[in-house]
Amino acid sequence: MLDLLAKNTPSFMDHLSDNLRDEISRAGTIVRYQDGQLIHNRGDMKPGISIVVSGAVQVGIFGEDGTFIMTSHLGMGQTFGEFTLFANLPRTHDITAAGDTQINQIPAQTFHRLYDARPEISRALLTTSLVRTHRLLEMMDAMRRLPMRERTAKVLWTLIQTAGDVDKFECRQSDLAFALGVSRTSLSTALKQLAVLGLVKTGYGQITLPDPEKMKDWVGAHCAAA
């Protein structure tokens, strides 16, 4: 059974056989991005799928004042762009690089050929898409129902689950505050409370989980549905 509280549940690429991973890796073009560089704009219509090869990306929406409201943090093996491939819909979010990042950009026609020939791809995409949908619903529930300390822990844990094999979630506190819809002062208070419990450490532009298993257990015990 898939553990939805696990820190690193499998990415799209993790669900594929070695041969298929190699085939997909060769199908696209590796594009390198610097920290903060825009990868895709919300509203873009060009169809294709993007796979994180190294580094990570932040998914969110830029406001008119330039603020970035983050909704996801995707690490190695994660994908984005599925809406453009299967529903002919524009991209729903702005995507930026989180640190030096490499993305395998696969055009729609190339990916569809692979998709039609290899059912394994369909199963992998369905699994990862459903897990992400579940986590998004969990985040929405946390922001609606939980007290500030628990809400912060739950959303932080949810965001780091797709970040790859890392204990460090590199994110400015202001970005996380926008994602939670709270002031930076309120977020700072919540992070200090979690730090006292030994669940997080904060530094310049980053939040670290010193003991991921402890955070997992705490979220499971304090942030479950009533």
C-alpha atoms as a PDB file:
ATOM      1  CA  MET A   1       0.000   0.000   0.000  1.00  0.00           C
ATOM      2  CA  LEU A   2       1.233   3.492  -0.828  1.00  0.00           C
ATOM      3  CA  ASP A   3       2.151   5.425   2.310  1.00  0.00           C
ATOM      4  CA  LEU A   4       0.789   8.922   1.684  1.00  0.00           C
ATOM      5  CA  LEU A   5       2.738  10.254   4.669  1.00  0.00           C
ATOM      6  CA  ALA A   6       6.036   8.926   3.326  1.00  0.00           C
ATOM      7  CA  LYS A   7       8.614  11.621   2.608  1.00  0.00           C
ATOM      8  CA  ASN A   8       9.628  10.324  -0.793  1.00  0.00           C
ATOM      9  CA  THR A   9       6.878   8.368  -2.476  1.00  0.00           C
ATOM     10  CA  PRO A  10       7.891   7.295  -6.001  1.00  0.00           C
ATOM     11  CA  SER A  11       8.017   9.848  -8.793  1.00  0.00           C
ATOM     12  CA  PHE A  12       6.799   9.224 -12.347  1.00  0.00           C
ATOM     13  CA  MET A  13      10.239   8.024 -13.425  1.00  0.00           C
ATOM     14  CA  ASP A  14      10.518   5.742 -10.377  1.00  0.00           C
ATOM     15  CA  HIS A  15       7.470   3.809 -11.609  1.00  0.00           C
ATOM     16  CA  LEU A  16       9.125   2.923 -14.934  1.00  0.00           C
ATOM     17  CA  SER A  17      11.428   0.073 -15.883  1.00  0.00           C
ATOM     18  CA  ASP A  18      15.092   0.854 -16.500  1.00  0.00           C
ATOM     19  CA  ASN A  19      14.741   0.415 -20.261  1.00  0.00           C
ATOM     20  CA  LEU A  20      11.746   2.731 -20.483  1.00  0.00           C
ATOM     21  CA  ARG A  21      13.431   5.360 -18.312  1.00  0.00           C
ATOM     22  CA  ASP A  22      16.355   5.365 -20.723  1.00  0.00           C
ATOM     23  CA  GLU A  23      14.003   5.599 -23.711  1.00  0.00           C
ATOM     24  CA  ILE A  24      12.154   8.561 -22.244  1.00  0.00           C
ATOM     25  CA  SER A  25      15.397  10.278 -21.286  1.00  0.00           C
ATOM     26  CA  ARG A  26      16.570  10.078 -24.910  1.00  0.00           C
ATOM     27  CA  ALA A  27      13.241  11.320 -26.293  1.00  0.00           C
ATOM     28  CA  GLY A  28      13.553  14.928 -25.187  1.00  0.00           C
ATOM     29  CA  THR A  29      15.976  17.808 -24.931  1.00  0.00           C
ATOM     30  CA  ILE A  30      17.767  18.606 -21.673  1.00  0.00           C
ATOM     31  CA  VAL A  31      17.433  22.317 -20.878  1.00  0.00           C
ATOM     32  CA  ARG A  32      19.371  23.914 -18.021  1.00  0.00           C
ATOM     33  CA  TYR A  33      17.876  26.648 -15.850  1.00  0.00           C
ATOM     34  CA  GLN A  34      19.397  28.860 -13.181  1.00  0.00           C
ATOM     35  CA  ASP A  35      17.859  29.460  -9.774  1.00  0.00           C
ATOM     36  CA  GLY A  36      14.650  31.461 -10.118  1.00  0.00           C
ATOM     37  CA  GLN A  37      14.577  31.269 -13.913  1.00  0.00           C
ATOM     38  CA  LEU A  38      11.108  30.969 -15.460  1.00  0.00           C
ATOM     39  CA  ILE A  39      10.487  27.624 -17.179  1.00  0.00           C
ATOM     40  CA  HIS A  40       6.820  27.941 -18.167  1.00  0.00           C
ATOM     41  CA  ASN A  41       4.209  30.678 -17.863  1.00  0.00           C
ATOM     42  CA  ARG A  42       0.675  30.144 -16.665  1.00  0.00           C
ATOM     43  CA  GLY A  43      -1.522  30.205 -19.758  1.00  0.00           C
ATOM     44  CA  ASP A  44       1.085  28.794 -22.168  1.00  0.00           C
ATOM     45  CA  MET A  45      -0.559  26.556 -24.773  1.00  0.00           C
ATOM     46  CA  LYS A  46       2.468  24.771 -26.258  1.00  0.00           C
ATOM     47  CA  PRO A  47       1.856  21.066 -25.559  1.00  0.00           C
ATOM     48  CA  GLY A  48       4.539  18.858 -24.103  1.00  0.00           C
ATOM     49  CA  ILE A  49       5.686  17.189 -20.936  1.00  0.00           C
ATOM     50  CA  SER A  50       8.566  18.278 -18.713  1.00  0.00           C
ATOM     51  CA  ILE A  51      10.522  15.943 -16.426  1.00  0.00           C
ATOM     52  CA  VAL A  52      12.859  17.147 -13.673  1.00  0.00           C
ATOM     53  CA  VAL A  53      16.271  15.568 -14.304  1.00  0.00           C
ATOM     54  CA  SER A  54      18.167  17.353 -11.520  1.00  0.00           C
ATOM     55  CA  GLY A  55      17.426  20.142  -9.093  1.00  0.00           C
ATOM     56  CA  ALA A  56      13.801  21.067  -8.481  1.00  0.00           C
ATOM     57  CA  VAL A  57      11.038  23.414  -9.572  1.00  0.00           C
ATOM     58  CA  GLN A  58       8.521  25.545  -7.748  1.00  0.00           C
ATOM     59  CA  VAL A  59       4.965  25.564  -9.044  1.00  0.00           C
ATOM     60  CA  GLY A  60       2.707  28.517  -8.319  1.00  0.00           C
ATOM     61  CA  ILE A  61       1.173  31.709  -9.617  1.00  0.00           C
ATOM     62  CA  PHE A  62       2.703  35.172  -9.889  1.00  0.00           C
ATOM     63  CA  GLY A  63       0.393  37.910  -8.677  1.00  0.00           C
ATOM     64  CA  GLU A  64       0.071  41.327 -10.287  1.00  0.00           C
ATOM     65  CA  ASP A  65       2.410  42.726  -7.634  1.00  0.00           C
ATOM     66  CA  GLY A  66       5.072  40.132  -8.471  1.00  0.00           C
ATOM     67  CA  THR A  67       4.470  37.934  -5.432  1.00  0.00           C
ATOM     68  CA  PHE A  68       4.679  34.193  -6.036  1.00  0.00           C
ATOM     69  CA  ILE A  69       2.049  31.966  -4.446  1.00  0.00           C
ATOM     70  CA  MET A  70       3.582  28.499  -4.352  1.00  0.00           C
ATOM     71  CA  THR A  71       1.451  25.356  -4.543  1.00  0.00           C
ATOM     72  CA  SER A  72       3.999  22.583  -5.223  1.00  0.00           C
ATOM     73  CA  HIS A  73       7.695  21.778  -5.076  1.00  0.00           C
ATOM     74  CA  LEU A  74       8.765  19.077  -7.560  1.00  0.00           C
ATOM     75  CA  GLY A  75      12.068  17.238  -7.482  1.00  0.00           C
ATOM     76  CA  MET A  76      13.845  14.630  -9.604  1.00  0.00           C
ATOM     77  CA  GLY A  77      11.636  12.365 -11.695  1.00  0.00           C
ATOM     78  CA  GLN A  78       8.522  14.494 -11.275  1.00  0.00           C
ATOM     79  CA  THR A  79       6.563  15.739 -14.294  1.00  0.00           C
ATOM     80  CA  PHE A  80       4.495  18.748 -15.277  1.00  0.00           C
ATOM     81  CA  GLY A  81       2.576  19.763 -18.393  1.00  0.00           C
ATOM     82  CA  GLU A  82       0.083  16.877 -18.495  1.00  0.00           C
ATOM     83  CA  PHE A  83      -2.875  19.244 -18.987  1.00  0.00           C
ATOM     84  CA  THR A  84      -1.444  20.391 -22.303  1.00  0.00           C
ATOM     85  CA  LEU A  85      -0.982  16.812 -23.532  1.00  0.00           C
ATOM     86  CA  PHE A  86      -4.256  15.137 -22.663  1.00  0.00           C
ATOM     87  CA  ALA A  87      -6.830  17.912 -22.292  1.00  0.00           C
ATOM     88  CA  ASN A  88      -5.573  20.599 -24.703  1.00  0.00           C
ATOM     89  CA  LEU A  89      -5.692  23.037 -21.797  1.00  0.00           C
ATOM     90  CA  PRO A  90      -3.299  25.901 -21.080  1.00  0.00           C
ATOM     91  CA  ARG A  91      -0.748  25.543 -18.339  1.00  0.00           C
ATOM     92  CA  THR A  92      -2.343  26.274 -14.993  1.00  0.00           C
ATOM     93  CA  HIS A  93       0.733  27.573 -13.130  1.00  0.00           C
ATOM     94  CA  ASP A  94       3.995  29.435 -13.453  1.00  0.00           C
ATOM     95  CA  ILE A  95       7.018  27.149 -13.098  1.00  0.00           C
ATOM     96  CA  THR A  96      10.406  28.399 -11.897  1.00  0.00           C
ATOM     97  CA  ALA A  97      13.704  26.663 -11.163  1.00  0.00           C
ATOM     98  CA  ALA A  98      14.584  26.095  -7.507  1.00  0.00           C
ATOM     99  CA  GLY A  99      18.368  26.130  -7.664  1.00  0.00           C
ATOM    100  CA  ASP A 100      20.343  24.993 -10.706  1.00  0.00           C
ATOM    101  CA  THR A 101      17.952  22.675 -12.490  1.00  0.00           C
ATOM    102  CA  GLN A 102      17.856  20.465 -15.578  1.00  0.00           C
ATOM    103  CA  ILE A 103      14.560  19.663 -17.309  1.00  0.00           C
ATOM    104  CA  ASN A 104      13.929  17.074 -20.007  1.00  0.00           C
ATOM    105  CA  GLN A 105      11.502  18.828 -22.376  1.00  0.00           C
ATOM    106  CA  ILE A 106       9.625  16.288 -24.515  1.00  0.00           C
ATOM    107  CA  PRO A 107       7.333  17.617 -27.289  1.00  0.00           C
ATOM    108  CA  ALA A 108       3.767  16.331 -27.459  1.00  0.00           C
ATOM    109  CA  GLN A 109       4.083  14.315 -30.668  1.00  0.00           C
ATOM    110  CA  THR A 110       7.137  12.450 -29.408  1.00  0.00           C
ATOM    111  CA  PHE A 111       5.605  11.715 -26.020  1.00  0.00           C
ATOM    112  CA  HIS A 112       2.301  10.522 -27.500  1.00  0.00           C
ATOM    113  CA  ARG A 113       4.150   7.971 -29.625  1.00  0.00           C
ATOM    114  CA  LEU A 114       5.812   6.562 -26.524  1.00  0.00           C
ATOM    115  CA  TYR A 115       2.579   6.727 -24.538  1.00  0.00           C
ATOM    116  CA  ASP A 116       0.602   4.784 -27.157  1.00  0.00           C
ATOM    117  CA  ALA A 117       3.296   2.106 -27.457  1.00  0.00           C
ATOM    118  CA  ARG A 118       4.062   1.588 -23.758  1.00  0.00           C
ATOM    119  CA  PRO A 119       1.079   1.130 -21.362  1.00  0.00           C
ATOM    120  CA  GLU A 120       3.552   1.344 -18.489  1.00  0.00           C
ATOM    121  CA  ILE A 121       3.666   5.117 -19.027  1.00  0.00           C
ATOM    122  CA  SER A 122      -0.096   5.451 -18.605  1.00  0.00           C
ATOM    123  CA  ARG A 123      -0.078   3.560 -15.310  1.00  0.00           C
ATOM    124  CA  ALA A 124       2.817   5.635 -13.973  1.00  0.00           C
ATOM    125  CA  LEU A 125       1.178   8.946 -14.894  1.00  0.00           C
ATOM    126  CA  LEU A 126      -2.156   7.896 -13.418  1.00  0.00           C
ATOM    127  CA  THR A 127      -0.564   6.835 -10.141  1.00  0.00           C
ATOM    128  CA  THR A 128       1.490   9.994  -9.667  1.00  0.00           C
ATOM    129  CA  SER A 129      -1.396  12.255 -10.743  1.00  0.00           C
ATOM    130  CA  LEU A 130      -3.767  10.683  -8.230  1.00  0.00           C
ATOM    131  CA  VAL A 131      -1.206  10.975  -5.427  1.00  0.00           C
ATOM    132  CA  ARG A 132      -0.704  14.669  -6.227  1.00  0.00           C
ATOM    133  CA  THR A 133      -4.465  15.254  -6.292  1.00  0.00           C
ATOM    134  CA  HIS A 134      -4.784  13.574  -2.903  1.00  0.00           C
ATOM    135  CA  ARG A 135      -2.037  15.768  -1.461  1.00  0.00           C
ATOM    136  CA  LEU A 136      -3.577  18.914  -2.909  1.00  0.00           C
ATOM    137  CA  LEU A 137      -6.881  18.060  -1.229  1.00  0.00           C
ATOM    138  CA  GLU A 138      -5.009  17.401   2.016  1.00  0.00           C
ATOM    139  CA  MET A 139      -3.345  20.823   1.774  1.00  0.00           C
ATOM    140  CA  MET A 140      -6.687  22.516   1.131  1.00  0.00           C
ATOM    141  CA  ASP A 141      -8.174  20.758   4.153  1.00  0.00           C
ATOM    142  CA  ALA A 142      -5.207  21.780   6.326  1.00  0.00           C
ATOM    143  CA  MET A 143      -5.513  25.443   5.344  1.00  0.00           C
ATOM    144  CA  ARG A 144      -9.246  25.423   6.029  1.00  0.00           C
ATOM    145  CA  ARG A 145      -9.390  23.396   9.233  1.00  0.00           C
ATOM    146  CA  LEU A 146      -6.147  23.239  11.208  1.00  0.00           C
ATOM    147  CA  PRO A 147      -4.622  25.728  13.685  1.00  0.00           C
ATOM    148  CA  MET A 148      -1.664  27.717  12.381  1.00  0.00           C
ATOM    149  CA  ARG A 149       1.093  25.529  13.839  1.00  0.00           C
ATOM    150  CA  GLU A 150      -0.453  22.291  12.554  1.00  0.00           C
ATOM    151  CA  ARG A 151      -1.370  23.884   9.219  1.00  0.00           C
ATOM    152  CA  THR A 152       2.237  24.946   8.675  1.00  0.00           C
ATOM    153  CA  ALA A 153       3.590  21.493   9.512  1.00  0.00           C
ATOM    154  CA  LYS A 154       1.072  19.707   7.279  1.00  0.00           C
ATOM    155  CA  VAL A 155       1.612  21.961   4.259  1.00  0.00           C
ATOM    156  CA  LEU A 156       5.393  21.911   4.687  1.00  0.00           C
ATOM    157  CA  TRP A 157       5.382  18.122   4.900  1.00  0.00           C
ATOM    158  CA  THR A 158       3.109  17.860   1.858  1.00  0.00           C
ATOM    159  CA  LEU A 159       5.340  20.150  -0.193  1.00  0.00           C
ATOM    160  CA  ILE A 160       8.532  18.284   0.652  1.00  0.00           C
ATOM    161  CA  GLN A 161       7.073  14.895  -0.317  1.00  0.00           C
ATOM    162  CA  THR A 162       7.563  15.609  -4.033  1.00  0.00           C
ATOM    163  CA  ALA A 163      10.897  17.386  -3.597  1.00  0.00           C
ATOM    164  CA  GLY A 164      13.020  14.252  -3.986  1.00  0.00           C
ATOM    165  CA  ASP A 165      15.411  12.575  -1.576  1.00  0.00           C
ATOM    166  CA  VAL A 166      16.107  15.659   0.521  1.00  0.00           C
ATOM    167  CA  ASP A 167      15.569  16.754   4.106  1.00  0.00           C
ATOM    168  CA  LYS A 168      16.014  20.404   3.185  1.00  0.00           C
ATOM    169  CA  PHE A 169      13.135  22.343   1.697  1.00  0.00           C
ATOM    170  CA  GLU A 170      14.653  25.421   0.067  1.00  0.00           C
ATOM    171  CA  CYS A 171      11.974  28.047   0.238  1.00  0.00           C
ATOM    172  CA  ARG A 172      11.779  31.620   1.419  1.00  0.00           C
ATOM    173  CA  GLN A 173       9.499  32.119   4.375  1.00  0.00           C
ATOM    174  CA  SER A 174       7.671  34.827   2.443  1.00  0.00           C
ATOM    175  CA  ASP A 175       6.847  32.298  -0.334  1.00  0.00           C
ATOM    176  CA  LEU A 176       5.565  29.751   2.167  1.00  0.00           C
ATOM    177  CA  ALA A 177       3.501  32.466   3.865  1.00  0.00           C
ATOM    178  CA  PHE A 178       1.845  33.312   0.536  1.00  0.00           C
ATOM    179  CA  ALA A 179       1.206  29.603  -0.091  1.00  0.00           C
ATOM    180  CA  LEU A 180      -0.534  29.383   3.291  1.00  0.00           C
ATOM    181  CA  GLY A 181      -2.359  32.665   2.815  1.00  0.00           C
ATOM    182  CA  VAL A 182      -0.998  34.145   6.056  1.00  0.00           C
ATOM    183  CA  SER A 183       1.318  36.948   7.071  1.00  0.00           C
ATOM    184  CA  ARG A 184       5.036  36.304   7.380  1.00  0.00           C
ATOM    185  CA  THR A 185       4.768  37.206  11.068  1.00  0.00           C
ATOM    186  CA  SER A 186       2.180  34.469  11.638  1.00  0.00           C
ATOM    187  CA  LEU A 187       4.295  31.972   9.730  1.00  0.00           C
ATOM    188  CA  SER A 188       7.410  32.931  11.671  1.00  0.00           C
ATOM    189  CA  THR A 189       5.581  32.295  14.944  1.00  0.00           C
ATOM    190  CA  ALA A 190       4.429  28.872  13.749  1.00  0.00           C
ATOM    191  CA  LEU A 191       7.923  27.927  12.556  1.00  0.00           C
ATOM    192  CA  LYS A 192       9.384  28.927  15.921  1.00  0.00           C
ATOM    193  CA  GLN A 193       6.853  26.697  17.683  1.00  0.00           C
ATOM    194  CA  LEU A 194       7.770  23.785  15.401  1.00  0.00           C
ATOM    195  CA  ALA A 195      11.470  24.492  15.986  1.00  0.00           C
ATOM    196  CA  VAL A 196      10.972  24.238  19.756  1.00  0.00           C
ATOM    197  CA  LEU A 197       9.496  20.778  19.139  1.00  0.00           C
ATOM    198  CA  GLY A 198      12.587  19.840  17.133  1.00  0.00           C
ATOM    199  CA  LEU A 199      10.606  19.459  13.905  1.00  0.00           C
ATOM    200  CA  VAL A 200      12.175  22.212  11.785  1.00  0.00           C
ATOM    201  CA  LYS A 201      15.220  24.432  11.553  1.00  0.00           C
ATOM    202  CA  THR A 202      15.155  27.683   9.622  1.00  0.00           C
ATOM    203  CA  GLY A 203      17.968  29.370   7.762  1.00  0.00           C
ATOM    204  CA  TYR A 204      18.434  31.922   5.028  1.00  0.00           C
ATOM    205  CA  GLY A 205      16.002  30.996   2.246  1.00  0.00           C
ATOM    206  CA  GLN A 206      15.427  27.476   3.524  1.00  0.00           C
ATOM    207  CA  ILE A 207      13.632  25.298   6.012  1.00  0.00           C
ATOM    208  CA  THR A 208      15.262  22.063   7.182  1.00  0.00           C
ATOM    209  CA  LEU A 209      13.702  18.982   8.713  1.00  0.00           C
ATOM    210  CA  PRO A 210      16.362  17.667  11.141  1.00  0.00           C
ATOM    211  CA  ASP A 211      14.444  14.427  11.771  1.00  0.00           C
ATOM    212  CA  PRO A 212      12.019  13.598   8.924  1.00  0.00           C
ATOM    213  CA  GLU A 213      10.602  10.528  10.685  1.00  0.00           C
ATOM    214  CA  LYS A 214       9.807  12.632  13.742  1.00  0.00           C
ATOM    215  CA  MET A 215       8.010  15.158  11.538  1.00  0.00           C
ATOM    216  CA  LYS A 216       6.094  12.373   9.797  1.00  0.00           C
ATOM    217  CA  ASP A 217       4.933  10.931  13.131  1.00  0.00           C
ATOM    218  CA  TRP A 218       3.971  14.357  14.486  1.00  0.00           C
ATOM    219  CA  VAL A 219       1.937  15.253  11.390  1.00  0.00           C
ATOM    220  CA  GLY A 220       0.218  11.864  11.533  1.00  0.00           C
ATOM    221  CA  ALA A 221      -0.681  12.352  15.195  1.00  0.00           C
ATOM    222  CA  HIS A 222      -1.687  16.033  15.167  1.00  0.00           C
ATOM    223  CA  CYS A 223      -2.984  16.781  11.657  1.00  0.00           C
ATOM    224  CA  ALA A 224      -5.304  13.861  10.908  1.00  0.00           C
ATOM    225  CA  ALA A 225      -8.915  14.505  10.023  1.00  0.00           C
ATOM    226  CA  ALA A 226     -11.178  14.843  13.014  1.00  0.00           C
END
